[in-house]
């Protein structure tokens, strides 16, 4: 079963933490990704740029609305994702618990509904 680990953190932390603390966090996340890869459960991982670089779009009554920034103004922002393929939710929780991100932010675990293989939608099982 595929699960996406949605990594949330406070963007303010990047502005107030010393550079050596930020670098230690990056090293810890690289090690975590390598551990997932070595275990054969990592499908993909993505680190996102800050919300300052995001754009949100909506179509309302046929008109495109473009907004600079994120959809929601919250203290914690989506920082990145890991897509893993594991047996069940318990296994996904066990992998998420090992993430350094769990120490300084929140991790939302969401099961995938479908995914594509060579452009064809497949159900997740």
Protein backbone atom coordinates (compact mmCIF):
# COMPACT_ATOMS: atom_id res chain seq x y z
CA UNK A 1 0.00 0.00 0.00
CA UNK A 2 1.29 3.44 -0.91
CA UNK A 3 1.32 6.15 1.72
CA UNK A 4 2.44 9.75 1.38
CA UNK A 5 4.22 11.23 4.36
CA UNK A 6 3.46 14.96 4.27
CA UNK A 7 6.15 16.80 6.19
CA UNK A 8 4.96 20.00 7.90
CA UNK A 9 7.17 22.49 9.72
CA UNK A 10 7.30 26.10 10.83
CA UNK A 11 8.98 28.18 8.15
CA UNK A 12 9.96 30.66 10.85
CA UNK A 13 12.40 28.08 12.20
CA UNK A 14 14.56 28.50 9.10
CA UNK A 15 14.93 32.18 9.91
CA UNK A 16 15.79 31.85 13.60
CA UNK A 17 17.82 28.65 13.85
CA UNK A 18 21.61 28.84 13.50
CA UNK A 19 23.00 27.57 10.16
CA UNK A 20 24.73 24.61 11.82
CA UNK A 21 21.41 23.43 13.30
CA UNK A 22 19.73 23.70 9.90
CA UNK A 23 22.56 21.75 8.27
CA UNK A 24 22.30 19.02 10.92
CA UNK A 25 18.59 18.76 10.10
CA UNK A 26 19.38 18.43 6.39
CA UNK A 27 21.92 15.69 7.12
CA UNK A 28 19.38 13.86 9.27
CA UNK A 29 16.76 14.01 6.50
CA UNK A 30 19.28 12.77 3.88
CA UNK A 31 20.11 9.86 6.18
CA UNK A 32 16.40 9.11 6.67
CA UNK A 33 15.83 9.11 2.89
CA UNK A 34 18.81 6.78 2.43
CA UNK A 35 17.38 4.42 5.07
CA UNK A 36 14.00 4.31 3.30
CA UNK A 37 15.79 3.67 -0.01
CA UNK A 38 17.93 0.89 1.44
CA UNK A 39 14.82 -0.77 2.88
CA UNK A 40 13.21 -0.76 -0.56
CA UNK A 41 10.12 1.21 0.52
CA UNK A 42 10.88 4.64 -0.96
CA UNK A 43 8.92 5.48 -4.12
CA UNK A 44 9.79 9.19 -4.25
CA UNK A 45 10.70 12.18 -2.11
CA UNK A 46 10.36 15.88 -2.73
CA UNK A 47 11.60 18.86 -0.73
CA UNK A 48 9.57 21.96 -1.48
CA UNK A 49 10.76 25.55 -1.68
CA UNK A 50 9.32 27.99 0.85
CA UNK A 51 5.74 29.15 0.58
CA UNK A 52 7.03 32.54 -0.57
CA UNK A 53 7.65 30.92 -3.95
CA UNK A 54 4.26 29.21 -4.21
CA UNK A 55 1.31 30.15 -6.38
CA UNK A 56 -2.27 29.07 -5.75
CA UNK A 57 -4.88 28.96 -8.52
CA UNK A 58 -8.62 28.57 -8.54
CA UNK A 59 -11.23 28.70 -11.28
CA UNK A 60 -14.44 30.38 -10.15
CA UNK A 61 -17.32 30.91 -12.56
CA UNK A 62 -14.94 30.09 -15.42
CA UNK A 63 -12.44 32.78 -14.41
CA UNK A 64 -8.88 31.95 -13.42
CA UNK A 65 -7.78 33.41 -10.09
CA UNK A 66 -4.05 33.42 -9.38
CA UNK A 67 -2.75 34.13 -5.88
CA UNK A 68 0.88 34.50 -4.84
CA UNK A 69 1.61 32.35 -1.83
CA UNK A 70 -0.04 29.35 -0.22
CA UNK A 71 -3.74 28.57 -0.05
CA UNK A 72 -3.81 28.78 3.75
CA UNK A 73 -2.02 31.19 6.06
CA UNK A 74 -0.91 28.87 8.85
CA UNK A 75 2.07 28.62 11.17
CA UNK A 76 3.11 25.23 9.79
CA UNK A 77 3.62 24.73 6.07
CA UNK A 78 4.05 21.68 3.86
CA UNK A 79 7.81 21.25 3.49
CA UNK A 80 7.99 18.09 1.42
CA UNK A 81 6.72 14.59 0.84
CA UNK A 82 7.90 11.01 0.89
CA UNK A 83 5.88 8.38 -0.96
CA UNK A 84 6.47 4.92 0.48
CA UNK A 85 5.09 1.47 -0.33
CA UNK A 86 4.57 -0.59 2.82
CA UNK A 87 2.26 -3.33 4.06
CA UNK A 88 -0.15 -1.23 6.12
CA UNK A 89 -0.74 1.90 8.20
CA UNK A 90 1.21 0.48 11.15
CA UNK A 91 4.27 0.15 8.93
CA UNK A 92 3.77 3.67 7.57
CA UNK A 93 3.56 5.00 11.14
CA UNK A 94 6.74 3.14 12.07
CA UNK A 95 8.61 4.70 9.14
CA UNK A 96 7.20 8.17 9.84
CA UNK A 97 8.22 7.89 13.48
CA UNK A 98 11.84 7.42 12.39
CA UNK A 99 11.82 10.68 10.45
CA UNK A 100 13.77 13.53 12.05
CA UNK A 101 10.88 15.73 10.90
CA UNK A 102 8.73 14.22 13.66
CA UNK A 103 11.02 15.95 16.19
CA UNK A 104 10.50 19.49 14.91
CA UNK A 105 7.25 19.41 12.97
CA UNK A 106 4.31 17.21 12.13
CA UNK A 107 3.96 14.36 9.67
CA UNK A 108 0.60 13.65 8.11
CA UNK A 109 0.26 10.09 6.80
CA UNK A 110 -2.23 9.77 3.98
CA UNK A 111 -2.94 6.60 1.97
CA UNK A 112 -2.82 6.96 -1.77
CA UNK A 113 -5.97 6.29 -3.76
CA UNK A 114 -4.45 5.88 -7.22
CA UNK A 115 -1.15 6.44 -8.99
CA UNK A 116 0.05 6.36 -12.57
CA UNK A 117 2.31 3.86 -14.27
CA UNK A 118 3.36 4.92 -17.76
CA UNK A 119 0.46 7.37 -17.84
CA UNK A 120 -2.21 4.81 -16.86
CA UNK A 121 -4.04 5.23 -13.55
CA UNK A 122 -3.71 2.26 -11.21
CA UNK A 123 -5.54 1.67 -7.90
CA UNK A 124 -3.33 1.51 -4.82
CA UNK A 125 -3.50 -1.78 -3.00
